[in-house]
C-alpha cells in the first residue's frame, strides 16, 4: 500500500513538529503532505527545513476543509490519510490503516486527549469515548457512521466520489462527508488500533481559532448539512431544534450558576437562530445545485486556485535528494 498522509495546519508549528515526528516513526514510508494556512509562526520555515515532508502546499484560506482538499489534490498514494496537526499517531497506526482499507473504502480510529498536566490526567481519561466503537446515528432511514476528521484514511475512489470535503463548511466537514458516504452506501470501518493522541489546546494557543466556540457557525453548519443531505423533513427539523434546545438549556444553567450573564445568553440565542436560518437556506440551495450522490457543490472539482505556492520534493527526485523544496517548487499565484 502506497500511503499519502495529508496534514492541514494553521499556526501550530510546535504541535505540527510533534505530529510529523510521530509520522516519521510510525509510517516512515508514507508520502507526507503538509497544507499550511496563512500561518504567522514560522511554520513554513520549519517544514522546509525537514527532510521527511514531501510536499508543502501554502494556501490563503483559513478553513480546514479547503486545506484537506488542497492536500487531496496533490496526493499520489493508493490510500490517502488525513491527520490533524495536533494529533500524534500511535505505533501500529499504519498497519491498522492497511487492515481497515482491505475491508472498507474508509477507515478511522479513536483520538484520545493528551493531558496538559498530571493533575488533569484522570479527567482527560474519563472524557475519552469508548475506543472500540465509532459514533453512529440513524437519520431519515439511513445509517450513518461518523469518523474522526483528523484520523481517517480513504481509498482514492471514495474521495473522488465524494469530491472531497464541502468547503462551505467552516466546521463539521467530516460529519457532512459521513452523511454523504452513507448516501452512497460506502462503509466506514473502525479500527481501535488506528489510534492517535491529541494535544489539548490551551487558552493562549495560537490554533487558528479552533478552541473558540462559534455558536453561529456550529448551527449554520448543522442546518446546512442536514438540509443539503436530507431535504426538508420533520425528522431533520426536529433534530436541529433538539440540538438548539439542549444548548439553550445548558447556557441557561450557566447563567443560574453565575458562570455567564443574561445578555450573553441572549446573544448566543441570536447567533443560534441566525445560524440555523442561514444554514437552512444555503443547504436547500446546495441540494438543488448538486443532485448527484456526492451532494457537494463546493468540492475539489469546483476550483483550481487553492494553492498560493507548492514546494514539492518529489520533483527533485525524492526526499533528501536534489534541490531544497523551495528550489524545486511548482508555484501558482492566487489572490
C-alpha atoms as a PDB file:
ATOM      1  CA  UNK A   1       0.000   0.000   0.000  1.00  0.00           C
ATOM      2  CA  UNK A   2       1.375   3.391  -1.038  1.00  0.00           C
ATOM      3  CA  UNK A   3       0.122   5.747   1.654  1.00  0.00           C
ATOM      4  CA  UNK A   4      -0.186   9.527   1.384  1.00  0.00           C
ATOM      5  CA  UNK A   5      -0.768  11.479   4.600  1.00  0.00           C
ATOM      6  CA  UNK A   6      -2.256  14.982   4.420  1.00  0.00           C
ATOM      7  CA  UNK A   7      -1.655  17.211   7.444  1.00  0.00           C
ATOM      8  CA  UNK A   8      -3.598  20.525   7.438  1.00  0.00           C
ATOM      9  CA  UNK A   9      -2.101  23.128   9.774  1.00  0.00           C
ATOM     10  CA  UNK A  10      -2.586  26.723  10.877  1.00  0.00           C
ATOM     11  CA  UNK A  11      -0.391  28.500  13.439  1.00  0.00           C
ATOM     12  CA  UNK A  12       0.608  25.267  15.139  1.00  0.00           C
ATOM     13  CA  UNK A  13       4.335  24.931  14.444  1.00  0.00           C
ATOM     14  CA  UNK A  14       5.373  23.080  17.606  1.00  0.00           C
ATOM     15  CA  UNK A  15       2.405  20.718  17.566  1.00  0.00           C
ATOM     16  CA  UNK A  16       2.915  20.103  13.866  1.00  0.00           C
ATOM     17  CA  UNK A  17       6.554  19.187  14.533  1.00  0.00           C
ATOM     18  CA  UNK A  18       5.435  16.595  17.113  1.00  0.00           C
ATOM     19  CA  UNK A  19       2.858  15.248  14.639  1.00  0.00           C
ATOM     20  CA  UNK A  20       5.491  14.893  11.908  1.00  0.00           C
ATOM     21  CA  UNK A  21       7.907  13.194  14.320  1.00  0.00           C
ATOM     22  CA  UNK A  22       5.226  10.608  15.124  1.00  0.00           C
ATOM     23  CA  UNK A  23       4.517  10.054  11.430  1.00  0.00           C
ATOM     24  CA  UNK A  24       8.221   9.593  10.698  1.00  0.00           C
ATOM     25  CA  UNK A  25       8.448   6.992  13.467  1.00  0.00           C
ATOM     26  CA  UNK A  26       5.273   5.008  12.734  1.00  0.00           C
ATOM     27  CA  UNK A  27       4.824   5.498   8.973  1.00  0.00           C
ATOM     28  CA  UNK A  28       8.320   6.265   7.626  1.00  0.00           C
ATOM     29  CA  UNK A  29       7.489   5.234   4.067  1.00  0.00           C
ATOM     30  CA  UNK A  30       4.405   7.449   3.735  1.00  0.00           C
ATOM     31  CA  UNK A  31       4.197  10.387   1.361  1.00  0.00           C
ATOM     32  CA  UNK A  32       3.715  13.345   3.736  1.00  0.00           C
ATOM     33  CA  UNK A  33       1.881  16.444   2.519  1.00  0.00           C
ATOM     34  CA  UNK A  34       1.586  19.486   4.792  1.00  0.00           C
ATOM     35  CA  UNK A  35      -1.027  22.083   3.849  1.00  0.00           C
ATOM     36  CA  UNK A  36      -0.295  25.349   5.598  1.00  0.00           C
ATOM     37  CA  UNK A  37      -2.879  28.091   6.018  1.00  0.00           C
ATOM     38  CA  UNK A  38      -1.650  31.670   6.343  1.00  0.00           C
ATOM     39  CA  UNK A  39       0.389  30.876   9.462  1.00  0.00           C
ATOM     40  CA  UNK A  40       2.391  33.597  11.176  1.00  0.00           C
ATOM     41  CA  UNK A  41       4.501  31.457  13.499  1.00  0.00           C
ATOM     42  CA  UNK A  42       7.324  30.239  11.256  1.00  0.00           C
ATOM     43  CA  UNK A  43       5.570  27.043  10.131  1.00  0.00           C
ATOM     44  CA  UNK A  44       6.801  27.376   6.539  1.00  0.00           C
ATOM     45  CA  UNK A  45      10.454  27.572   7.518  1.00  0.00           C
ATOM     46  CA  UNK A  46      10.184  24.693   9.968  1.00  0.00           C
ATOM     47  CA  UNK A  47       8.564  22.418   7.384  1.00  0.00           C
ATOM     48  CA  UNK A  48      11.018  23.310   4.626  1.00  0.00           C
ATOM     49  CA  UNK A  49      13.931  22.544   6.961  1.00  0.00           C
ATOM     50  CA  UNK A  50      12.690  18.970   7.457  1.00  0.00           C
ATOM     51  CA  UNK A  51      13.586  16.167   5.074  1.00  0.00           C
ATOM     52  CA  UNK A  52      10.584  13.978   5.948  1.00  0.00           C
ATOM     53  CA  UNK A  53       7.929  16.182   4.266  1.00  0.00           C
ATOM     54  CA  UNK A  54       7.434  15.505   0.568  1.00  0.00           C
ATOM     55  CA  UNK A  55       5.118  18.394  -0.321  1.00  0.00           C
ATOM     56  CA  UNK A  56       4.305  21.706   1.337  1.00  0.00           C
ATOM     57  CA  UNK A  57       1.225  23.454  -0.031  1.00  0.00           C
ATOM     58  CA  UNK A  58       0.639  27.063   1.017  1.00  0.00           C
ATOM     59  CA  UNK A  59      -2.958  28.299   0.891  1.00  0.00           C
ATOM     60  CA  UNK A  60      -4.608  31.610   1.707  1.00  0.00           C
ATOM     61  CA  UNK A  61      -7.792  30.164   3.277  1.00  0.00           C
ATOM     62  CA  UNK A  62      -8.055  29.535   6.995  1.00  0.00           C
ATOM     63  CA  UNK A  63     -10.629  26.724   6.806  1.00  0.00           C
ATOM     64  CA  UNK A  64      -9.680  23.099   7.359  1.00  0.00           C
ATOM     65  CA  UNK A  65     -11.857  21.723   4.540  1.00  0.00           C
ATOM     66  CA  UNK A  66     -10.051  23.851   1.958  1.00  0.00           C
ATOM     67  CA  UNK A  67      -6.751  22.582   3.372  1.00  0.00           C
ATOM     68  CA  UNK A  68      -7.931  18.972   3.211  1.00  0.00           C
ATOM     69  CA  UNK A  69      -8.969  19.345  -0.428  1.00  0.00           C
ATOM     70  CA  UNK A  70      -5.708  21.064  -1.338  1.00  0.00           C
ATOM     71  CA  UNK A  71      -3.781  18.122   0.095  1.00  0.00           C
ATOM     72  CA  UNK A  72      -6.004  15.533  -1.550  1.00  0.00           C
ATOM     73  CA  UNK A  73      -5.381  17.204  -4.916  1.00  0.00           C
ATOM     74  CA  UNK A  74      -1.622  16.510  -4.817  1.00  0.00           C
ATOM     75  CA  UNK A  75      -1.642  13.103  -3.079  1.00  0.00           C
ATOM     76  CA  UNK A  76      -0.416  10.222  -5.239  1.00  0.00           C
ATOM     77  CA  UNK A  77      -0.870   7.197  -2.951  1.00  0.00           C
ATOM     78  CA  UNK A  78      -3.410   4.413  -3.375  1.00  0.00           C
ATOM     79  CA  UNK A  79      -4.545   5.323   0.148  1.00  0.00           C
ATOM     80  CA  UNK A  80      -4.929   8.882   1.463  1.00  0.00           C
ATOM     81  CA  UNK A  81      -4.988   9.615   5.191  1.00  0.00           C
ATOM     82  CA  UNK A  82      -5.866  12.861   6.962  1.00  0.00           C
ATOM     83  CA  UNK A  83      -4.126  13.609  10.257  1.00  0.00           C
ATOM     84  CA  UNK A  84      -4.651  16.831  12.234  1.00  0.00           C
ATOM     85  CA  UNK A  85      -1.510  18.792  13.062  1.00  0.00           C
ATOM     86  CA  UNK A  86      -2.145  18.450  16.809  1.00  0.00           C
ATOM     87  CA  UNK A  87      -2.606  14.669  16.610  1.00  0.00           C
ATOM     88  CA  UNK A  88       0.156  12.149  17.116  1.00  0.00           C
ATOM     89  CA  UNK A  89      -0.331   8.713  15.616  1.00  0.00           C
ATOM     90  CA  UNK A  90       0.484   5.699  17.768  1.00  0.00           C
ATOM     91  CA  UNK A  91       2.617   2.638  16.921  1.00  0.00           C
ATOM     92  CA  UNK A  92       0.561   0.209  14.874  1.00  0.00           C
ATOM     93  CA  UNK A  93      -1.392   3.011  13.185  1.00  0.00           C
ATOM     94  CA  UNK A  94      -0.150   2.275   9.675  1.00  0.00           C
ATOM     95  CA  UNK A  95      -0.896  -1.452   9.906  1.00  0.00           C
ATOM     96  CA  UNK A  96      -4.397  -0.633  11.152  1.00  0.00           C
ATOM     97  CA  UNK A  97      -4.930   1.681   8.160  1.00  0.00           C
ATOM     98  CA  UNK A  98      -3.940  -1.087   5.756  1.00  0.00           C
ATOM     99  CA  UNK A  99      -6.126  -3.628   7.550  1.00  0.00           C
ATOM    100  CA  UNK A 100      -9.149  -1.340   7.565  1.00  0.00           C
ATOM    101  CA  UNK A 101      -8.845  -0.373   3.905  1.00  0.00           C
ATOM    102  CA  UNK A 102      -8.720  -4.065   2.969  1.00  0.00           C
ATOM    103  CA  UNK A 103     -12.319  -4.340   4.199  1.00  0.00           C
ATOM    104  CA  UNK A 104     -13.846  -0.901   3.512  1.00  0.00           C
ATOM    105  CA  UNK A 105     -13.152   2.217   1.411  1.00  0.00           C
ATOM    106  CA  UNK A 106     -12.821   4.374   4.537  1.00  0.00           C
ATOM    107  CA  UNK A 107     -11.279   3.606   7.917  1.00  0.00           C
ATOM    108  CA  UNK A 108     -10.991   5.670  11.068  1.00  0.00           C
ATOM    109  CA  UNK A 109      -9.837   5.236  14.647  1.00  0.00           C
ATOM    110  CA  UNK A 110     -10.017   6.865  18.069  1.00  0.00           C
ATOM    111  CA  UNK A 111      -8.346  10.104  19.144  1.00  0.00           C
ATOM    112  CA  UNK A 112      -7.573  10.421  22.852  1.00  0.00           C
ATOM    113  CA  UNK A 113      -6.538  13.693  24.524  1.00  0.00           C
ATOM    114  CA  UNK A 114      -3.053  14.190  25.896  1.00  0.00           C
ATOM    115  CA  UNK A 115      -3.445  15.669  29.396  1.00  0.00           C
ATOM    116  CA  UNK A 116      -1.754  19.078  29.632  1.00  0.00           C
ATOM    117  CA  UNK A 117      -0.617  18.248  33.174  1.00  0.00           C
ATOM    118  CA  UNK A 118      -0.543  15.319  35.564  1.00  0.00           C
ATOM    119  CA  UNK A 119      -3.381  16.847  37.602  1.00  0.00           C
ATOM    120  CA  UNK A 120      -5.615  16.671  34.531  1.00  0.00           C
ATOM    121  CA  UNK A 121      -4.774  13.059  33.678  1.00  0.00           C
ATOM    122  CA  UNK A 122      -7.741  11.404  35.362  1.00  0.00           C
ATOM    123  CA  UNK A 123     -10.201  13.956  33.969  1.00  0.00           C
ATOM    124  CA  UNK A 124      -8.864  13.538  30.437  1.00  0.00           C
ATOM    125  CA  UNK A 125      -9.104   9.749  30.580  1.00  0.00           C
ATOM    126  CA  UNK A 126     -12.693   9.964  31.812  1.00  0.00           C
ATOM    127  CA  UNK A 127     -13.640  12.129  28.814  1.00  0.00           C
ATOM    128  CA  UNK A 128     -12.449   9.618  26.203  1.00  0.00           C
ATOM    129  CA  UNK A 129     -15.249   7.784  24.411  1.00  0.00           C
ATOM    130  CA  UNK A 130     -15.214   4.003  24.095  1.00  0.00           C
ATOM    131  CA  UNK A 131     -12.445   3.432  21.511  1.00  0.00           C
ATOM    132  CA  UNK A 132     -13.910   0.112  20.393  1.00  0.00           C
ATOM    133  CA  UNK A 133     -16.905   1.676  18.627  1.00  0.00           C
ATOM    134  CA  UNK A 134     -17.420   4.754  16.439  1.00  0.00           C
ATOM    135  CA  UNK A 135     -20.336   7.156  16.795  1.00  0.00           C
ATOM    136  CA  UNK A 136     -23.360   6.043  14.775  1.00  0.00           C
ATOM    137  CA  UNK A 137     -26.755   7.509  14.083  1.00  0.00           C
ATOM    138  CA  UNK A 138     -29.864   6.771  12.027  1.00  0.00           C
ATOM    139  CA  UNK A 139     -31.299   9.733  10.151  1.00  0.00           C
ATOM    140  CA  UNK A 140     -34.220   9.610   7.702  1.00  0.00           C
ATOM    141  CA  UNK A 141     -33.903   5.824   7.470  1.00  0.00           C
ATOM    142  CA  UNK A 142     -30.189   5.973   6.738  1.00  0.00           C
ATOM    143  CA  UNK A 143     -27.451   4.540   8.993  1.00  0.00           C
ATOM    144  CA  UNK A 144     -24.559   6.994   9.351  1.00  0.00           C
ATOM    145  CA  UNK A 145     -21.161   6.068  10.777  1.00  0.00           C
ATOM    146  CA  UNK A 146     -19.154   9.137  11.765  1.00  0.00           C
ATOM    147  CA  UNK A 147     -15.384   9.253  11.579  1.00  0.00           C
ATOM    148  CA  UNK A 148     -12.593  11.303  13.109  1.00  0.00           C
ATOM    149  CA  UNK A 149     -11.748  14.010  10.576  1.00  0.00           C
ATOM    150  CA  UNK A 150      -8.215  14.223  11.949  1.00  0.00           C
ATOM    151  CA  UNK A 151      -7.592  10.469  11.918  1.00  0.00           C
ATOM    152  CA  UNK A 152      -9.092   8.863   8.833  1.00  0.00           C
ATOM    153  CA  UNK A 153      -7.918   7.156   5.643  1.00  0.00           C
ATOM    154  CA  UNK A 154      -9.650   6.745   2.280  1.00  0.00           C
ATOM    155  CA  UNK A 155      -9.262   4.799  -0.882  1.00  0.00           C
ATOM    156  CA  UNK A 156      -8.818   7.406  -3.668  1.00  0.00           C
ATOM    157  CA  UNK A 157     -12.026   6.310  -5.383  1.00  0.00           C
ATOM    158  CA  UNK A 158     -14.020   7.101  -2.231  1.00  0.00           C
ATOM    159  CA  UNK A 159     -12.564  10.611  -2.105  1.00  0.00           C
ATOM    160  CA  UNK A 160     -13.220  11.000  -5.826  1.00  0.00           C
ATOM    161  CA  UNK A 161     -16.856  10.010  -5.458  1.00  0.00           C
ATOM    162  CA  UNK A 162     -17.243  12.403  -2.513  1.00  0.00           C
ATOM    163  CA  UNK A 163     -15.453  15.136  -4.480  1.00  0.00           C
ATOM    164  CA  UNK A 164     -13.531  15.754  -1.258  1.00  0.00           C
ATOM    165  CA  UNK A 165     -14.915  17.919   1.537  1.00  0.00           C
ATOM    166  CA  UNK A 166     -17.548  20.648   1.277  1.00  0.00           C
ATOM    167  CA  UNK A 167     -15.680  23.953   1.539  1.00  0.00           C
ATOM    168  CA  UNK A 168     -18.802  25.869   2.511  1.00  0.00           C
ATOM    169  CA  UNK A 169     -18.455  24.365   5.969  1.00  0.00           C
ATOM    170  CA  UNK A 170     -16.118  26.025   8.432  1.00  0.00           C
ATOM    171  CA  UNK A 171     -16.820  23.222  10.928  1.00  0.00           C
ATOM    172  CA  UNK A 172     -18.483  19.825  10.534  1.00  0.00           C
ATOM    173  CA  UNK A 173     -16.879  18.830   7.236  1.00  0.00           C
ATOM    174  CA  UNK A 174     -16.150  15.281   8.401  1.00  0.00           C
ATOM    175  CA  UNK A 175     -19.715  14.777   9.652  1.00  0.00           C
ATOM    176  CA  UNK A 176     -21.058  16.034   6.339  1.00  0.00           C
ATOM    177  CA  UNK A 177     -18.812  13.574   4.484  1.00  0.00           C
ATOM    178  CA  UNK A 178     -20.101  10.760   6.715  1.00  0.00           C
ATOM    179  CA  UNK A 179     -23.696  11.560   5.689  1.00  0.00           C
ATOM    180  CA  UNK A 180     -22.703  11.529   2.039  1.00  0.00           C
ATOM    181  CA  UNK A 181     -20.822   8.235   2.368  1.00  0.00           C
ATOM    182  CA  UNK A 182     -23.953   6.702   3.896  1.00  0.00           C
ATOM    183  CA  UNK A 183     -25.989   8.002   0.965  1.00  0.00           C
ATOM    184  CA  UNK A 184     -23.612   6.199  -1.409  1.00  0.00           C
ATOM    185  CA  UNK A 185     -23.693   3.014   0.722  1.00  0.00           C
ATOM    186  CA  UNK A 186     -19.966   3.297   1.431  1.00  0.00           C
ATOM    187  CA  UNK A 187     -18.904   1.523   4.607  1.00  0.00           C
ATOM    188  CA  UNK A 188     -16.704   3.209   7.203  1.00  0.00           C
ATOM    189  CA  UNK A 189     -14.513   0.700   9.049  1.00  0.00           C
ATOM    190  CA  UNK A 190     -13.332   1.333  12.617  1.00  0.00           C
ATOM    191  CA  UNK A 191     -10.032   0.108  13.978  1.00  0.00           C
ATOM    192  CA  UNK A 192      -9.174   0.824  17.647  1.00  0.00           C
ATOM    193  CA  UNK A 193      -5.532   0.138  16.746  1.00  0.00           C
ATOM    194  CA  UNK A 194      -5.603   3.104  14.362  1.00  0.00           C
ATOM    195  CA  UNK A 195      -5.126   5.333  17.387  1.00  0.00           C
ATOM    196  CA  UNK A 196      -3.916   8.894  17.750  1.00  0.00           C
ATOM    197  CA  UNK A 197      -3.459  11.282  20.650  1.00  0.00           C
ATOM    198  CA  UNK A 198      -4.457  14.928  20.547  1.00  0.00           C
ATOM    199  CA  UNK A 199      -2.665  17.720  22.353  1.00  0.00           C
ATOM    200  CA  UNK A 200      -5.373  19.742  24.067  1.00  0.00           C
ATOM    201  CA  UNK A 201      -5.436  23.479  23.296  1.00  0.00           C
ATOM    202  CA  UNK A 202      -4.537  25.995  25.964  1.00  0.00           C
ATOM    203  CA  UNK A 203      -6.363  29.320  26.410  1.00  0.00           C
ATOM    204  CA  UNK A 204      -3.456  31.125  24.740  1.00  0.00           C
ATOM    205  CA  UNK A 205      -2.766  28.593  21.995  1.00  0.00           C
ATOM    206  CA  UNK A 206      -2.490  30.063  18.506  1.00  0.00           C
ATOM    207  CA  UNK A 207      -4.599  27.337  16.920  1.00  0.00           C
ATOM    208  CA  UNK A 208      -6.428  29.349  14.310  1.00  0.00           C
ATOM    209  CA  UNK A 209      -9.490  29.840  16.498  1.00  0.00           C
ATOM    210  CA  UNK A 210     -10.282  26.129  16.716  1.00  0.00           C
ATOM    211  CA  UNK A 211     -10.660  26.341  20.508  1.00  0.00           C
ATOM    212  CA  UNK A 212     -13.288  29.083  20.253  1.00  0.00           C
ATOM    213  CA  UNK A 213     -16.947  28.028  20.448  1.00  0.00           C
ATOM    214  CA  UNK A 214     -18.585  29.651  17.461  1.00  0.00           C
ATOM    215  CA  UNK A 215     -22.273  29.149  18.084  1.00  0.00           C
ATOM    216  CA  UNK A 216     -23.379  30.770  14.853  1.00  0.00           C
ATOM    217  CA  UNK A 217     -21.209  28.560  12.657  1.00  0.00           C
ATOM    218  CA  UNK A 218     -21.987  25.458  14.666  1.00  0.00           C
ATOM    219  CA  UNK A 219     -25.671  25.795  13.860  1.00  0.00           C
ATOM    220  CA  UNK A 220     -25.154  27.158  10.362  1.00  0.00           C
ATOM    221  CA  UNK A 221     -23.130  24.032   9.590  1.00  0.00           C
ATOM    222  CA  UNK A 222     -25.661  21.718  11.272  1.00  0.00           C
ATOM    223  CA  UNK A 223     -28.632  23.141   9.363  1.00  0.00           C
ATOM    224  CA  UNK A 224     -26.694  23.260   6.092  1.00  0.00           C
ATOM    225  CA  UNK A 225     -25.541  19.658   6.101  1.00  0.00           C
ATOM    226  CA  UNK A 226     -28.915  18.268   7.258  1.00  0.00           C
ATOM    227  CA  UNK A 227     -30.963  20.210   4.686  1.00  0.00           C
ATOM    228  CA  UNK A 228     -28.418  19.578   1.929  1.00  0.00           C
ATOM    229  CA  UNK A 229     -28.292  15.830   2.528  1.00  0.00           C
ATOM    230  CA  UNK A 230     -31.884  15.066   3.525  1.00  0.00           C
ATOM    231  CA  UNK A 231     -34.070  17.945   2.376  1.00  0.00           C
ATOM    232  CA  UNK A 232     -36.940  19.424   4.376  1.00  0.00           C
ATOM    233  CA  UNK A 233     -38.144  16.584   6.593  1.00  0.00           C
ATOM    234  CA  UNK A 234     -39.852  16.679  10.003  1.00  0.00           C
ATOM    235  CA  UNK A 235     -37.125  14.471  11.479  1.00  0.00           C
ATOM    236  CA  UNK A 236     -34.427  16.828  10.205  1.00  0.00           C
ATOM    237  CA  UNK A 237     -36.125  19.906  11.624  1.00  0.00           C
ATOM    238  CA  UNK A 238     -36.715  18.106  14.927  1.00  0.00           C
ATOM    239  CA  UNK A 239     -33.053  17.093  15.141  1.00  0.00           C
ATOM    240  CA  UNK A 240     -31.816  20.656  14.589  1.00  0.00           C
ATOM    241  CA  UNK A 241     -34.360  22.004  17.094  1.00  0.00           C
ATOM    242  CA  UNK A 242     -33.421  19.458  19.746  1.00  0.00           C
ATOM    243  CA  UNK A 243     -29.741  20.407  19.466  1.00  0.00           C
ATOM    244  CA  UNK A 244     -30.609  24.085  19.865  1.00  0.00           C
ATOM    245  CA  UNK A 245     -32.919  23.441  22.823  1.00  0.00           C
ATOM    246  CA  UNK A 246     -30.291  21.365  24.605  1.00  0.00           C
ATOM    247  CA  UNK A 247     -27.626  24.036  24.201  1.00  0.00           C
ATOM    248  CA  UNK A 248     -30.066  26.772  25.257  1.00  0.00           C
ATOM    249  CA  UNK A 249     -30.842  24.867  28.448  1.00  0.00           C
ATOM    250  CA  UNK A 250     -27.142  24.319  29.158  1.00  0.00           C
ATOM    251  CA  UNK A 251     -26.426  28.031  28.632  1.00  0.00           C
ATOM    252  CA  UNK A 252     -29.326  28.955  30.929  1.00  0.00           C
ATOM    253  CA  UNK A 253     -27.827  26.768  33.661  1.00  0.00           C
ATOM    254  CA  UNK A 254     -24.566  28.702  33.300  1.00  0.00           C
ATOM    255  CA  UNK A 255     -26.500  31.927  33.916  1.00  0.00           C
ATOM    256  CA  UNK A 256     -28.145  30.475  37.029  1.00  0.00           C
ATOM    257  CA  UNK A 257     -24.759  29.334  38.361  1.00  0.00           C
ATOM    258  CA  UNK A 258     -23.298  32.775  37.742  1.00  0.00           C
ATOM    259  CA  UNK A 259     -20.880  31.481  35.108  1.00  0.00           C
ATOM    260  CA  UNK A 260     -22.499  33.581  32.381  1.00  0.00           C
ATOM    261  CA  UNK A 261     -24.768  36.605  32.027  1.00  0.00           C
ATOM    262  CA  UNK A 262     -28.312  37.018  30.660  1.00  0.00           C
ATOM    263  CA  UNK A 263     -27.020  39.306  27.913  1.00  0.00           C
ATOM    264  CA  UNK A 264     -24.503  36.697  26.796  1.00  0.00           C
ATOM    265  CA  UNK A 265     -27.237  34.047  26.846  1.00  0.00           C
ATOM    266  CA  UNK A 266     -29.425  36.286  24.674  1.00  0.00           C
ATOM    267  CA  UNK A 267     -26.552  36.951  22.263  1.00  0.00           C
ATOM    268  CA  UNK A 268     -25.894  33.230  21.997  1.00  0.00           C
ATOM    269  CA  UNK A 269     -29.549  32.611  21.214  1.00  0.00           C
ATOM    270  CA  UNK A 270     -29.441  35.240  18.487  1.00  0.00           C
ATOM    271  CA  UNK A 271     -26.344  33.615  16.941  1.00  0.00           C
ATOM    272  CA  UNK A 272     -28.045  30.210  17.007  1.00  0.00           C
ATOM    273  CA  UNK A 273     -31.191  31.496  15.287  1.00  0.00           C
ATOM    274  CA  UNK A 274     -29.225  33.392  12.638  1.00  0.00           C
ATOM    275  CA  UNK A 275     -27.011  30.353  12.044  1.00  0.00           C
ATOM    276  CA  UNK A 276     -29.954  27.963  11.702  1.00  0.00           C
ATOM    277  CA  UNK A 277     -31.780  30.281   9.321  1.00  0.00           C
ATOM    278  CA  UNK A 278     -28.768  30.978   7.096  1.00  0.00           C
ATOM    279  CA  UNK A 279     -27.582  27.377   7.056  1.00  0.00           C
ATOM    280  CA  UNK A 280     -31.033  26.004   6.213  1.00  0.00           C
ATOM    281  CA  UNK A 281     -31.410  28.419   3.294  1.00  0.00           C
ATOM    282  CA  UNK A 282     -27.928  27.650   1.956  1.00  0.00           C
ATOM    283  CA  UNK A 283     -28.453  23.911   2.440  1.00  0.00           C
ATOM    284  CA  UNK A 284     -31.610  23.923   0.317  1.00  0.00           C
ATOM    285  CA  UNK A 285     -29.792  25.851  -2.419  1.00  0.00           C
ATOM    286  CA  UNK A 286     -26.838  23.420  -2.273  1.00  0.00           C
ATOM    287  CA  UNK A 287     -29.205  20.451  -2.538  1.00  0.00           C
ATOM    288  CA  UNK A 288     -30.665  21.922  -5.725  1.00  0.00           C
ATOM    289  CA  UNK A 289     -27.243  22.763  -7.159  1.00  0.00           C
ATOM    290  CA  UNK A 290     -25.877  19.231  -6.801  1.00  0.00           C
ATOM    291  CA  UNK A 291     -28.409  16.450  -7.213  1.00  0.00           C
ATOM    292  CA  UNK A 292     -25.719  13.776  -7.559  1.00  0.00           C
ATOM    293  CA  UNK A 293     -24.980  11.271  -4.768  1.00  0.00           C
ATOM    294  CA  UNK A 294     -21.895  13.328  -3.854  1.00  0.00           C
ATOM    295  CA  UNK A 295     -24.075  16.267  -2.687  1.00  0.00           C
ATOM    296  CA  UNK A 296     -21.014  18.516  -2.788  1.00  0.00           C
ATOM    297  CA  UNK A 297     -21.351  21.749  -4.775  1.00  0.00           C
ATOM    298  CA  UNK A 298     -18.188  23.104  -3.103  1.00  0.00           C
ATOM    299  CA  UNK A 299     -15.757  20.221  -3.539  1.00  0.00           C
ATOM    300  CA  UNK A 300     -12.342  19.537  -5.036  1.00  0.00           C
ATOM    301  CA  UNK A 301     -13.535  19.853  -8.632  1.00  0.00           C
ATOM    302  CA  UNK A 302     -15.091  23.308  -8.212  1.00  0.00           C
ATOM    303  CA  UNK A 303     -11.910  25.386  -8.110  1.00  0.00           C
ATOM    304  CA  UNK A 304      -8.224  25.325  -9.043  1.00  0.00           C
ATOM    305  CA  UNK A 305      -6.848  28.278  -7.080  1.00  0.00           C
ATOM    306  CA  UNK A 306      -6.410  26.865  -3.577  1.00  0.00           C
ATOM    307  CA  UNK A 307      -2.616  26.877  -3.636  1.00  0.00           C
ATOM    308  CA  UNK A 308      -0.668  30.091  -3.315  1.00  0.00           C
ATOM    309  CA  UNK A 309       2.564  28.093  -3.685  1.00  0.00           C
ATOM    310  CA  UNK A 310       3.664  24.460  -3.693  1.00  0.00           C
ATOM    311  CA  UNK A 311       7.103  23.184  -2.647  1.00  0.00           C
ATOM    312  CA  UNK A 312       7.445  19.654  -3.968  1.00  0.00           C
ATOM    313  CA  UNK A 313      10.467  17.498  -3.098  1.00  0.00           C
ATOM    314  CA  UNK A 314       9.165  14.799  -5.400  1.00  0.00           C
ATOM    315  CA  UNK A 315      10.235  16.999  -8.322  1.00  0.00           C
ATOM    316  CA  UNK A 316      13.806  16.785  -7.030  1.00  0.00           C
ATOM    317  CA  UNK A 317      13.889  13.001  -7.127  1.00  0.00           C
ATOM    318  CA  UNK A 318      12.797  12.140  -3.612  1.00  0.00           C
ATOM    319  CA  UNK A 319      13.329  13.057  -0.004  1.00  0.00           C
ATOM    320  CA  UNK A 320      16.680  14.480   0.836  1.00  0.00           C
ATOM    321  CA  UNK A 321      17.826  14.398  -2.798  1.00  0.00           C
ATOM    322  CA  UNK A 322      18.448  17.207  -5.242  1.00  0.00           C
ATOM    323  CA  UNK A 323      17.451  20.790  -4.552  1.00  0.00           C
ATOM    324  CA  UNK A 324      15.670  22.008  -1.441  1.00  0.00           C
ATOM    325  CA  UNK A 325      11.889  22.025  -1.693  1.00  0.00           C
ATOM    326  CA  UNK A 326      11.653  25.732  -2.422  1.00  0.00           C
ATOM    327  CA  UNK A 327      14.039  25.474  -5.379  1.00  0.00           C
ATOM    328  CA  UNK A 328      12.078  22.564  -6.804  1.00  0.00           C
ATOM    329  CA  UNK A 329       8.799  24.418  -6.381  1.00  0.00           C
ATOM    330  CA  UNK A 330       5.810  24.412  -8.652  1.00  0.00           C
ATOM    331  CA  UNK A 331       4.298  27.728  -7.600  1.00  0.00           C
ATOM    332  CA  UNK A 332       0.981  29.155  -8.649  1.00  0.00           C
ATOM    333  CA  UNK A 333      -0.374  32.616  -7.879  1.00  0.00           C
ATOM    334  CA  UNK A 334      -3.644  33.181  -6.045  1.00  0.00           C
ATOM    335  CA  UNK A 335      -5.206  36.387  -4.880  1.00  0.00           C
END
